[in-house]
Amino acid sequence: MVIKIVVSDAGGVEREFSKGIKVNMVRDMYLPYVSLTGEFVCNSAITAAQVCAVKLKVGNDVVFSGIPDKVQVQVQRGIRRISFSSRSYTSLTAQNEPEPGIISDVNLSSLVSSCLVHPMISVEQGTPVESYIYVKPSSSLWQAIVAYNIKKQNRLPYIFGTNTIMSTKANSTARSYSADRLTNEGFSVNTLNMLSELYMRIGNDQYQYHYTNPSAVDYKIMRTRYYELDYQWLHDIDQGLVYKAANSNRMRNVMFFEYSSFKNEQLYDVVGGTGTACDGMYINRVVLNADASGLRTRVSCFDDDFGQR
């Protein structure tokens, strides 16, 4: 399976490279972007300033397209090597702020287009209209997208493909690994940020809203947080506390497996045929590593409050 890095200059002229490639690509349901880091050998003269866009091709498929956050060109013993870190264009949703206040009669498409219209970003169409969401001051567009999706779908949004923002699991595909030899499998637990008791109040009254995180009870964890009124959850303060607790439970239980190839798995595809605990679960994280020794993929499924919704 041929791997190529494609870089574009300011005029959109593309150059493909396939020598000395090392890459690490991550898709994760908790990130508003796909990340790519790597390096490659370049035989022609090229400066870091000329790299204005980055793509990763595996076979004939473009599996990543994004902004070069950092680029370094170095020449050692006559070999020009370019290293970079990049995030997909959807990272801009975390770097733009919508106008604060109430947005009425909103769906995913209208919410995104009201703040950020970008030729490289697409949005799932036809999602249902919500009567309103509240955008907090200094919050990002991605936070507003999360607020919409929690209120309307009771689940998190995510990135599909290279730069498509999704609300539903409409593109979910069954992935069979019955013909692949797994090189590793395992299970991990993360309680690092888990909260136990959460409180919120309205005005100057007592903190009359309270939620106990059942996951923290299991581990005998005591971490208490007190919140002033979060207007984003004014429609249902109890749901707001449940969300904050669920957010603290991120990646609480993670099942994973690895194999020596790459299927271009997408978030919320369904695992099958591995003979592991991942079978029948949604994919929540995909990590691709590629170098001279070949391709290696780790697929993870999160058994936490959001991963399997």
C-alpha atoms as a PDB file:
ATOM      1  CA  MET A   1       0.000   0.000   0.000  1.00  0.00           C
ATOM      2  CA  VAL A   2       1.731   3.185  -1.231  1.00  0.00           C
ATOM      3  CA  ILE A   3       1.867   6.145   1.157  1.00  0.00           C
ATOM      4  CA  LYS A   4       2.382   9.678  -0.117  1.00  0.00           C
ATOM      5  CA  ILE A   5       2.599  13.128   1.437  1.00  0.00           C
ATOM      6  CA  VAL A   6       1.176  15.889  -0.741  1.00  0.00           C
ATOM      7  CA  VAL A   7       2.053  19.513  -0.005  1.00  0.00           C
ATOM      8  CA  SER A   8       0.624  22.597  -1.693  1.00  0.00           C
ATOM      9  CA  ASP A   9       2.040  26.098  -2.029  1.00  0.00           C
ATOM     10  CA  ALA A  10       0.101  29.380  -1.844  1.00  0.00           C
ATOM     11  CA  GLY A  11      -0.919  29.019  -5.493  1.00  0.00           C
ATOM     12  CA  GLY A  12      -2.366  25.570  -4.940  1.00  0.00           C
ATOM     13  CA  VAL A  13       0.428  23.766  -6.823  1.00  0.00           C
ATOM     14  CA  GLU A  14       0.799  20.271  -5.364  1.00  0.00           C
ATOM     15  CA  ARG A  15       3.931  18.162  -4.963  1.00  0.00           C
ATOM     16  CA  GLU A  16       3.885  14.493  -3.994  1.00  0.00           C
ATOM     17  CA  PHE A  17       6.557  12.773  -1.921  1.00  0.00           C
ATOM     18  CA  SER A  18       6.959   9.089  -1.126  1.00  0.00           C
ATOM     19  CA  LYS A  19      10.531   8.736   0.195  1.00  0.00           C
ATOM     20  CA  GLY A  20      11.528   8.514   3.855  1.00  0.00           C
ATOM     21  CA  ILE A  21       7.951   8.864   5.047  1.00  0.00           C
ATOM     22  CA  LYS A  22       7.067   8.574   8.721  1.00  0.00           C
ATOM     23  CA  VAL A  23       3.570   9.580   9.822  1.00  0.00           C
ATOM     24  CA  ASN A  24       1.244   9.420  12.798  1.00  0.00           C
ATOM     25  CA  MET A  25      -2.441  10.193  12.152  1.00  0.00           C
ATOM     26  CA  VAL A  26      -5.093  10.335  14.881  1.00  0.00           C
ATOM     27  CA  ARG A  27      -8.875  10.411  14.623  1.00  0.00           C
ATOM     28  CA  ASP A  28     -10.584  10.765  17.999  1.00  0.00           C
ATOM     29  CA  MET A  29     -14.233  11.365  18.854  1.00  0.00           C
ATOM     30  CA  TYR A  30     -13.261  13.932  21.501  1.00  0.00           C
ATOM     31  CA  LEU A  31     -11.256  16.099  19.073  1.00  0.00           C
ATOM     32  CA  PRO A  32     -12.771  18.551  16.554  1.00  0.00           C
ATOM     33  CA  TYR A  33     -10.056  17.672  14.055  1.00  0.00           C
ATOM     34  CA  VAL A  34      -7.866  14.913  12.645  1.00  0.00           C
ATOM     35  CA  SER A  35      -4.168  15.342  13.487  1.00  0.00           C
ATOM     36  CA  LEU A  36      -1.155  14.349  11.404  1.00  0.00           C
ATOM     37  CA  THR A  37       2.535  14.546  12.255  1.00  0.00           C
ATOM     38  CA  GLY A  38       5.345  13.234  10.106  1.00  0.00           C
ATOM     39  CA  GLU A  39       8.381  13.712   7.982  1.00  0.00           C
ATOM     40  CA  PHE A  40       9.583  12.916   4.465  1.00  0.00           C
ATOM     41  CA  VAL A  41      12.623  13.257   2.238  1.00  0.00           C
ATOM     42  CA  CYS A  42      12.519  15.924  -0.471  1.00  0.00           C
ATOM     43  CA  ASN A  43      14.949  15.872  -3.398  1.00  0.00           C
ATOM     44  CA  SER A  44      13.923  19.271  -4.754  1.00  0.00           C
ATOM     45  CA  ALA A  45      14.509  22.691  -3.212  1.00  0.00           C
ATOM     46  CA  ILE A  46      11.562  23.655  -1.036  1.00  0.00           C
ATOM     47  CA  THR A  47      11.261  26.009   1.931  1.00  0.00           C
ATOM     48  CA  ALA A  48       9.057  25.689   4.994  1.00  0.00           C
ATOM     49  CA  ALA A  49       7.201  28.854   3.973  1.00  0.00           C
ATOM     50  CA  GLN A  50       6.107  27.194   0.717  1.00  0.00           C
ATOM     51  CA  VAL A  51       4.140  24.485   2.541  1.00  0.00           C
ATOM     52  CA  CYS A  52       0.613  25.927   2.812  1.00  0.00           C
ATOM     53  CA  ALA A  53      -1.425  22.706   2.904  1.00  0.00           C
ATOM     54  CA  VAL A  54      -0.787  19.034   3.676  1.00  0.00           C
ATOM     55  CA  LYS A  55      -2.498  15.855   2.519  1.00  0.00           C
ATOM     56  CA  LEU A  56      -1.868  12.195   3.281  1.00  0.00           C
ATOM     57  CA  LYS A  57      -2.658   9.612   0.607  1.00  0.00           C
ATOM     58  CA  VAL A  58      -2.865   5.901   1.351  1.00  0.00           C
ATOM     59  CA  GLY A  59      -3.214   4.078  -1.934  1.00  0.00           C
ATOM     60  CA  ASN A  60      -5.596   6.199  -4.004  1.00  0.00           C
ATOM     61  CA  ASP A  61      -7.443   7.638  -0.995  1.00  0.00           C
ATOM     62  CA  VAL A  62      -6.818  11.056   0.542  1.00  0.00           C
ATOM     63  CA  VAL A  63      -7.201  10.249   4.242  1.00  0.00           C
ATOM     64  CA  PHE A  64      -6.042  13.602   5.633  1.00  0.00           C
ATOM     65  CA  SER A  65      -6.212  17.216   4.478  1.00  0.00           C
ATOM     66  CA  GLY A  66      -5.227  20.092   6.712  1.00  0.00           C
ATOM     67  CA  ILE A  67      -3.286  23.125   7.810  1.00  0.00           C
ATOM     68  CA  PRO A  68       0.473  22.871   8.427  1.00  0.00           C
ATOM     69  CA  ASP A  69       0.707  24.154  12.003  1.00  0.00           C
ATOM     70  CA  LYS A  70       4.480  23.699  12.074  1.00  0.00           C
ATOM     71  CA  VAL A  71       6.969  22.901   9.306  1.00  0.00           C
ATOM     72  CA  GLN A  72      10.727  22.445   9.510  1.00  0.00           C
ATOM     73  CA  VAL A  73      13.166  21.873   6.663  1.00  0.00           C
ATOM     74  CA  GLN A  74      16.648  20.631   7.458  1.00  0.00           C
ATOM     75  CA  VAL A  75      19.504  19.437   5.266  1.00  0.00           C
ATOM     76  CA  GLN A  76      21.906  16.913   6.722  1.00  0.00           C
ATOM     77  CA  ARG A  77      24.677  15.319   4.652  1.00  0.00           C
ATOM     78  CA  GLY A  78      22.956  16.486   1.506  1.00  0.00           C
ATOM     79  CA  ILE A  79      19.570  14.970   2.411  1.00  0.00           C
ATOM     80  CA  ARG A  80      16.691  17.446   2.651  1.00  0.00           C
ATOM     81  CA  ARG A  81      14.181  16.265   5.233  1.00  0.00           C
ATOM     82  CA  ILE A  82      10.871  18.008   5.968  1.00  0.00           C
ATOM     83  CA  SER A  83       9.039  17.447   9.266  1.00  0.00           C
ATOM     84  CA  PHE A  84       5.593  18.844  10.084  1.00  0.00           C
ATOM     85  CA  SER A  85       2.585  18.792  12.363  1.00  0.00           C
ATOM     86  CA  SER A  86      -0.854  19.473  10.949  1.00  0.00           C
ATOM     87  CA  ARG A  87      -4.528  19.463  11.863  1.00  0.00           C
ATOM     88  CA  SER A  88      -7.531  19.166   9.585  1.00  0.00           C
ATOM     89  CA  TYR A  89      -9.387  22.343   8.625  1.00  0.00           C
ATOM     90  CA  THR A  90     -12.140  21.510  11.112  1.00  0.00           C
ATOM     91  CA  SER A  91      -9.688  22.611  13.832  1.00  0.00           C
ATOM     92  CA  LEU A  92     -10.840  26.120  12.917  1.00  0.00           C
ATOM     93  CA  THR A  93     -14.163  25.387  14.639  1.00  0.00           C
ATOM     94  CA  ALA A  94     -12.229  25.453  17.937  1.00  0.00           C
ATOM     95  CA  GLN A  95     -10.530  28.730  16.979  1.00  0.00           C
ATOM     96  CA  ASN A  96     -13.527  30.830  15.943  1.00  0.00           C
ATOM     97  CA  GLU A  97     -16.157  32.321  18.236  1.00  0.00           C
ATOM     98  CA  PRO A  98     -19.820  32.710  17.292  1.00  0.00           C
ATOM     99  CA  GLU A  99     -21.682  35.767  18.487  1.00  0.00           C
ATOM    100  CA  PRO A 100     -22.680  35.192  22.145  1.00  0.00           C
ATOM    101  CA  GLY A 101     -26.316  34.886  23.114  1.00  0.00           C
ATOM    102  CA  ILE A 102     -29.330  32.923  21.964  1.00  0.00           C
ATOM    103  CA  ILE A 103     -29.383  31.393  18.478  1.00  0.00           C
ATOM    104  CA  SER A 104     -32.955  30.468  17.564  1.00  0.00           C
ATOM    105  CA  ASP A 105     -34.277  27.814  15.173  1.00  0.00           C
ATOM    106  CA  VAL A 106     -30.866  26.304  14.587  1.00  0.00           C
ATOM    107  CA  ASN A 107     -29.592  23.099  13.024  1.00  0.00           C
ATOM    108  CA  LEU A 108     -26.014  21.947  12.475  1.00  0.00           C
ATOM    109  CA  SER A 109     -25.645  23.536   9.048  1.00  0.00           C
ATOM    110  CA  SER A 110     -27.073  26.930   9.987  1.00  0.00           C
ATOM    111  CA  LEU A 111     -25.025  27.022  13.195  1.00  0.00           C
ATOM    112  CA  VAL A 112     -21.729  26.427  11.385  1.00  0.00           C
ATOM    113  CA  SER A 113     -22.483  28.732   8.444  1.00  0.00           C
ATOM    114  CA  SER A 114     -23.441  31.579  10.779  1.00  0.00           C
ATOM    115  CA  CYS A 115     -19.866  31.636  12.090  1.00  0.00           C
ATOM    116  CA  LEU A 116     -17.505  29.881   9.686  1.00  0.00           C
ATOM    117  CA  VAL A 117     -17.843  29.312   5.941  1.00  0.00           C
ATOM    118  CA  HIS A 118     -14.779  27.492   4.651  1.00  0.00           C
ATOM    119  CA  PRO A 119     -14.309  25.768   1.277  1.00  0.00           C
ATOM    120  CA  MET A 120     -12.522  22.796   2.858  1.00  0.00           C
ATOM    121  CA  ILE A 121     -15.122  22.144   5.590  1.00  0.00           C
ATOM    122  CA  SER A 122     -18.409  20.356   4.927  1.00  0.00           C
ATOM    123  CA  VAL A 123     -21.320  19.767   7.285  1.00  0.00           C
ATOM    124  CA  GLU A 124     -23.917  17.022   7.585  1.00  0.00           C
ATOM    125  CA  GLN A 125     -27.122  18.305   6.024  1.00  0.00           C
ATOM    126  CA  GLY A 126     -30.731  17.828   7.080  1.00  0.00           C
ATOM    127  CA  THR A 127     -30.213  17.617  10.830  1.00  0.00           C
ATOM    128  CA  PRO A 128     -33.301  18.571  12.882  1.00  0.00           C
ATOM    129  CA  VAL A 129     -33.950  22.139  13.978  1.00  0.00           C
ATOM    130  CA  GLU A 130     -33.599  22.996  17.663  1.00  0.00           C
ATOM    131  CA  SER A 131     -35.671  25.877  19.022  1.00  0.00           C
ATOM    132  CA  TYR A 132     -32.589  27.569  20.490  1.00  0.00           C
ATOM    133  CA  ILE A 133     -29.135  27.143  21.955  1.00  0.00           C
ATOM    134  CA  TYR A 134     -27.258  29.583  24.156  1.00  0.00           C
ATOM    135  CA  VAL A 135     -23.720  30.552  23.164  1.00  0.00           C
ATOM    136  CA  LYS A 136     -21.591  31.591  26.124  1.00  0.00           C
ATOM    137  CA  PRO A 137     -19.191  34.547  25.788  1.00  0.00           C
ATOM    138  CA  SER A 138     -15.703  33.504  24.656  1.00  0.00           C
ATOM    139  CA  SER A 139     -16.862  30.001  23.741  1.00  0.00           C
ATOM    140  CA  SER A 140     -15.783  28.440  20.460  1.00  0.00           C
ATOM    141  CA  LEU A 141     -17.903  27.344  17.525  1.00  0.00           C
ATOM    142  CA  TRP A 142     -17.097  23.735  18.412  1.00  0.00           C
ATOM    143  CA  GLN A 143     -18.492  24.256  21.927  1.00  0.00           C
ATOM    144  CA  ALA A 144     -21.675  25.605  20.356  1.00  0.00           C
ATOM    145  CA  ILE A 145     -21.839  22.577  18.035  1.00  0.00           C
ATOM    146  CA  VAL A 146     -21.492  20.305  21.073  1.00  0.00           C
ATOM    147  CA  ALA A 147     -24.279  22.220  22.855  1.00  0.00           C
ATOM    148  CA  TYR A 148     -26.570  21.790  19.837  1.00  0.00           C
ATOM    149  CA  ASN A 149     -25.812  18.097  19.504  1.00  0.00           C
ATOM    150  CA  ILE A 150     -26.219  17.266  23.179  1.00  0.00           C
ATOM    151  CA  LYS A 151     -29.538  19.092  23.263  1.00  0.00           C
ATOM    152  CA  LYS A 152     -30.892  17.623  20.019  1.00  0.00           C
ATOM    153  CA  GLN A 153     -29.198  14.210  19.726  1.00  0.00           C
ATOM    154  CA  ASN A 154     -27.955  13.547  23.291  1.00  0.00           C
ATOM    155  CA  ARG A 155     -24.571  12.596  21.840  1.00  0.00           C
ATOM    156  CA  LEU A 156     -21.364  14.305  20.704  1.00  0.00           C
ATOM    157  CA  PRO A 157     -20.596  15.575  17.195  1.00  0.00           C
ATOM    158  CA  TYR A 158     -17.495  14.257  15.439  1.00  0.00           C
ATOM    159  CA  ILE A 159     -15.321  14.544  12.330  1.00  0.00           C
ATOM    160  CA  PHE A 160     -15.904  12.161   9.425  1.00  0.00           C
ATOM    161  CA  GLY A 161     -13.342  11.625   6.687  1.00  0.00           C
ATOM    162  CA  THR A 162     -11.000  14.547   6.256  1.00  0.00           C
ATOM    163  CA  ASN A 163     -13.157  17.583   7.110  1.00  0.00           C
ATOM    164  CA  THR A 164     -16.847  16.751   7.488  1.00  0.00           C
ATOM    165  CA  ILE A 165     -18.670  17.700  10.692  1.00  0.00           C
ATOM    166  CA  MET A 166     -21.226  15.056  11.637  1.00  0.00           C
ATOM    167  CA  SER A 167     -24.137  15.119  14.066  1.00  0.00           C
ATOM    168  CA  THR A 168     -25.564  11.612  13.568  1.00  0.00           C
ATOM    169  CA  LYS A 169     -24.110   8.155  12.846  1.00  0.00           C
ATOM    170  CA  ALA A 170     -25.510   8.237   9.299  1.00  0.00           C
ATOM    171  CA  ASN A 171     -22.184   7.150   7.759  1.00  0.00           C
ATOM    172  CA  SER A 172     -21.504   4.275  10.150  1.00  0.00           C
ATOM    173  CA  THR A 173     -20.056   1.207   8.372  1.00  0.00           C
ATOM    174  CA  ALA A 174     -19.450  -2.361   9.547  1.00  0.00           C
ATOM    175  CA  ARG A 175     -15.725  -3.222   9.574  1.00  0.00           C
ATOM    176  CA  SER A 176     -14.680  -6.875   9.549  1.00  0.00           C
ATOM    177  CA  TYR A 177     -11.238  -7.919  10.767  1.00  0.00           C
ATOM    178  CA  SER A 178     -11.749 -11.661  10.488  1.00  0.00           C
ATOM    179  CA  ALA A 179      -9.024 -11.945   7.819  1.00  0.00           C
ATOM    180  CA  ASP A 180      -6.504  -9.790   9.687  1.00  0.00           C
ATOM    181  CA  ARG A 181      -3.981 -11.082  12.182  1.00  0.00           C
ATOM    182  CA  LEU A 182      -4.063  -8.909  15.270  1.00  0.00           C
ATOM    183  CA  THR A 183      -0.637  -7.961  16.606  1.00  0.00           C
ATOM    184  CA  ASN A 184      -1.844  -6.612  19.933  1.00  0.00           C
ATOM    185  CA  GLU A 185      -4.988  -6.132  21.995  1.00  0.00           C
ATOM    186  CA  GLY A 186      -5.729  -4.725  25.412  1.00  0.00           C
ATOM    187  CA  PHE A 187      -7.809  -2.735  27.871  1.00  0.00           C
ATOM    188  CA  SER A 188      -7.102   0.447  29.819  1.00  0.00           C
ATOM    189  CA  VAL A 189      -8.824   2.500  32.533  1.00  0.00           C
ATOM    190  CA  ASN A 190      -8.573   6.278  33.030  1.00  0.00           C
ATOM    191  CA  THR A 191      -9.991   7.986  36.142  1.00  0.00           C
ATOM    192  CA  LEU A 192      -7.605  10.964  36.098  1.00  0.00           C
ATOM    193  CA  ASN A 193     -10.264  13.676  35.587  1.00  0.00           C
ATOM    194  CA  MET A 194     -13.311  11.921  37.035  1.00  0.00           C
ATOM    195  CA  LEU A 195     -15.496  14.182  39.199  1.00  0.00           C
ATOM    196  CA  SER A 196     -17.667  12.866  42.017  1.00  0.00           C
ATOM    197  CA  GLU A 197     -20.016  15.630  43.220  1.00  0.00           C
ATOM    198  CA  LEU A 198     -21.215  18.497  41.015  1.00  0.00           C
ATOM    199  CA  TYR A 199     -23.297  21.497  42.127  1.00  0.00           C
ATOM    200  CA  MET A 200     -24.847  24.474  40.340  1.00  0.00           C
ATOM    201  CA  ARG A 201     -26.892  27.419  41.539  1.00  0.00           C
ATOM    202  CA  ILE A 202     -29.129  30.156  40.152  1.00  0.00           C
ATOM    203  CA  GLY A 203     -28.372  33.721  41.230  1.00  0.00           C
ATOM    204  CA  ASN A 204     -27.407  34.159  44.886  1.00  0.00           C
ATOM    205  CA  ASP A 205     -29.370  31.175  46.122  1.00  0.00           C
ATOM    206  CA  GLN A 206     -27.832  28.018  47.488  1.00  0.00           C
ATOM    207  CA  TYR A 207     -26.310  25.445  45.138  1.00  0.00           C
ATOM    208  CA  GLN A 208     -29.644  23.677  44.866  1.00  0.00           C
ATOM    209  CA  TYR A 209     -28.778  21.569  41.827  1.00  0.00           C
ATOM    210  CA  HIS A 210     -26.668  18.515  42.603  1.00  0.00           C
ATOM    211  CA  TYR A 211     -25.466  15.387  40.792  1.00  0.00           C
ATOM    212  CA  THR A 212     -23.417  12.454  42.049  1.00  0.00           C
ATOM    213  CA  ASN A 213     -21.279  10.715  39.443  1.00  0.00           C
ATOM    214  CA  PRO A 214     -21.955   6.948  39.828  1.00  0.00           C
ATOM    215  CA  SER A 215     -18.620   6.073  38.189  1.00  0.00           C
ATOM    216  CA  ALA A 216     -16.736   7.950  40.897  1.00  0.00           C
ATOM    217  CA  VAL A 217     -18.642   6.043  43.582  1.00  0.00           C
ATOM    218  CA  ASP A 218     -17.294   2.771  42.181  1.00  0.00           C
ATOM    219  CA  TYR A 219     -13.705   4.017  42.607  1.00  0.00           C
ATOM    220  CA  LYS A 220     -14.302   5.889  45.880  1.00  0.00           C
ATOM    221  CA  ILE A 221     -13.111   9.086  44.190  1.00  0.00           C
ATOM    222  CA  MET A 222     -13.978  12.393  45.870  1.00  0.00           C
ATOM    223  CA  ARG A 223     -13.606  15.432  43.585  1.00  0.00           C
ATOM    224  CA  THR A 224     -16.225  18.159  44.079  1.00  0.00           C
ATOM    225  CA  ARG A 225     -16.984  21.078  41.750  1.00  0.00           C
ATOM    226  CA  TYR A 226     -19.262  24.100  42.263  1.00  0.00           C
ATOM    227  CA  TYR A 227     -20.568  25.978  39.224  1.00  0.00           C
ATOM    228  CA  GLU A 228     -22.314  29.291  38.814  1.00  0.00           C
ATOM    229  CA  LEU A 229     -25.344  29.205  36.532  1.00  0.00           C
ATOM    230  CA  ASP A 230     -24.267  27.929  33.122  1.00  0.00           C
ATOM    231  CA  TYR A 231     -26.754  29.539  30.723  1.00  0.00           C
ATOM    232  CA  GLN A 232     -25.941  26.931  28.112  1.00  0.00           C
ATOM    233  CA  TRP A 233     -27.938  24.500  30.278  1.00  0.00           C
ATOM    234  CA  LEU A 234     -30.668  26.869  31.414  1.00  0.00           C
ATOM    235  CA  HIS A 235     -33.263  24.680  29.662  1.00  0.00           C
ATOM    236  CA  ASP A 236     -32.242  21.715  31.831  1.00  0.00           C
ATOM    237  CA  ILE A 237     -29.696  22.350  34.591  1.00  0.00           C
ATOM    238  CA  ASP A 238     -29.788  18.732  35.718  1.00  0.00           C
ATOM    239  CA  GLN A 239     -28.781  17.636  32.211  1.00  0.00           C
ATOM    240  CA  GLY A 240     -25.956  20.164  32.339  1.00  0.00           C
ATOM    241  CA  LEU A 241     -24.524  18.563  35.475  1.00  0.00           C
ATOM    242  CA  VAL A 242     -24.897  15.090  33.962  1.00  0.00           C
ATOM    243  CA  TYR A 243     -22.977  16.317  30.895  1.00  0.00           C
ATOM    244  CA  LYS A 244     -20.163  17.775  33.000  1.00  0.00           C
ATOM    245  CA  ALA A 245     -19.868  14.495  34.901  1.00  0.00           C
ATOM    246  CA  ALA A 246     -19.901  12.502  31.675  1.00  0.00           C
ATOM    247  CA  ASN A 247     -17.205  14.769  30.273  1.00  0.00           C
ATOM    248  CA  SER A 248     -15.034  13.993  33.293  1.00  0.00           C
ATOM    249  CA  ASN A 249     -15.509  10.270  32.565  1.00  0.00           C
ATOM    250  CA  ARG A 250     -13.894  10.521  29.119  1.00  0.00           C
ATOM    251  CA  MET A 251     -12.095   7.323  28.085  1.00  0.00           C
ATOM    252  CA  ARG A 252     -12.950   5.711  31.413  1.00  0.00           C
ATOM    253  CA  ASN A 253     -12.688   2.229  29.896  1.00  0.00           C
ATOM    254  CA  VAL A 254     -10.895   1.680  26.582  1.00  0.00           C
ATOM    255  CA  MET A 255     -10.677  -1.535  24.579  1.00  0.00           C
ATOM    256  CA  PHE A 256      -8.206  -1.628  21.701  1.00  0.00           C
ATOM    257  CA  PHE A 257      -6.513  -3.832  19.130  1.00  0.00           C
ATOM    258  CA  GLU A 258      -3.782  -3.414  16.522  1.00  0.00           C
ATOM    259  CA  TYR A 259      -3.080  -4.919  13.106  1.00  0.00           C
ATOM    260  CA  SER A 260      -0.521  -4.409  10.326  1.00  0.00           C
ATOM    261  CA  SER A 261      -2.439  -2.544   7.617  1.00  0.00           C
ATOM    262  CA  PHE A 262      -4.975   0.274   7.298  1.00  0.00           C
ATOM    263  CA  LYS A 263      -8.686   0.172   6.372  1.00  0.00           C
ATOM    264  CA  ASN A 264      -9.343   3.926   6.562  1.00  0.00           C
ATOM    265  CA  GLU A 265     -11.696   3.336   9.483  1.00  0.00           C
ATOM    266  CA  GLN A 266     -13.994   6.203  10.425  1.00  0.00           C
ATOM    267  CA  LEU A 267     -15.323   7.198  13.816  1.00  0.00           C
ATOM    268  CA  TYR A 268     -18.518   5.286  14.669  1.00  0.00           C
ATOM    269  CA  ASP A 269     -17.831   2.447  12.280  1.00  0.00           C
ATOM    270  CA  VAL A 270     -18.710  -0.870  13.939  1.00  0.00           C
ATOM    271  CA  VAL A 271     -16.046  -3.485  14.752  1.00  0.00           C
ATOM    272  CA  GLY A 272     -16.530  -7.144  13.885  1.00  0.00           C
ATOM    273  CA  GLY A 273     -14.512 -10.339  13.583  1.00  0.00           C
ATOM    274  CA  THR A 274     -11.680  -9.543  15.989  1.00  0.00           C
ATOM    275  CA  GLY A 275     -12.603 -11.979  18.737  1.00  0.00           C
ATOM    276  CA  THR A 276     -11.962  -9.179  21.238  1.00  0.00           C
ATOM    277  CA  ALA A 277     -14.187  -7.060  23.491  1.00  0.00           C
ATOM    278  CA  CYS A 278     -14.361  -4.499  20.670  1.00  0.00           C
ATOM    279  CA  ASP A 279     -16.651  -6.661  18.535  1.00  0.00           C
ATOM    280  CA  GLY A 280     -20.039  -5.009  18.092  1.00  0.00           C
ATOM    281  CA  MET A 281     -18.793  -1.654  19.424  1.00  0.00           C
ATOM    282  CA  TYR A 282     -18.405   1.728  17.768  1.00  0.00           C
ATOM    283  CA  ILE A 283     -14.904   2.879  16.845  1.00  0.00           C
ATOM    284  CA  ASN A 284     -13.967   5.974  18.855  1.00  0.00           C
ATOM    285  CA  ARG A 285     -10.290   6.411  18.045  1.00  0.00           C
ATOM    286  CA  VAL A 286      -8.071   5.391  15.121  1.00  0.00           C
ATOM    287  CA  VAL A 287      -4.284   5.803  15.158  1.00  0.00           C
ATOM    288  CA  LEU A 288      -2.271   5.145  11.998  1.00  0.00           C
ATOM    289  CA  ASN A 289       1.515   4.837  12.146  1.00  0.00           C
ATOM    290  CA  ALA A 290       3.502   4.350   8.970  1.00  0.00           C
ATOM    291  CA  ASP A 291       7.213   4.215   8.220  1.00  0.00           C
ATOM    292  CA  ALA A 292       9.710   2.093   6.289  1.00  0.00           C
ATOM    293  CA  SER A 293       8.520  -1.032   8.105  1.00  0.00           C
ATOM    294  CA  GLY A 294       4.910  -0.607   6.914  1.00  0.00           C
ATOM    295  CA  LEU A 295       1.515   0.455   8.231  1.00  0.00           C
ATOM    296  CA  ARG A 296       0.188  -0.213  11.723  1.00  0.00           C
ATOM    297  CA  THR A 297      -3.282   0.710  12.947  1.00  0.00           C
ATOM    298  CA  ARG A 298      -4.649   0.825  16.482  1.00  0.00           C
ATOM    299  CA  VAL A 299      -8.442   0.889  16.828  1.00  0.00           C
ATOM    300  CA  SER A 300      -9.969   1.884  20.164  1.00  0.00           C
ATOM    301  CA  CYS A 301     -13.524   1.643  21.501  1.00  0.00           C
ATOM    302  CA  PHE A 302     -14.498   3.733  24.528  1.00  0.00           C
ATOM    303  CA  ASP A 303     -16.828   2.246  27.092  1.00  0.00           C
ATOM    304  CA  ASP A 304     -17.574   5.584  28.739  1.00  0.00           C
ATOM    305  CA  ASP A 305     -20.626   7.858  28.856  1.00  0.00           C
ATOM    306  CA  PHE A 306     -20.413   8.998  25.185  1.00  0.00           C
ATOM    307  CA  GLY A 307     -18.438   6.478  23.136  1.00  0.00           C
ATOM    308  CA  GLN A 308     -21.217   3.983  22.456  1.00  0.00           C
ATOM    309  CA  ARG A 309     -24.160   6.396  22.080  1.00  0.00           C
END
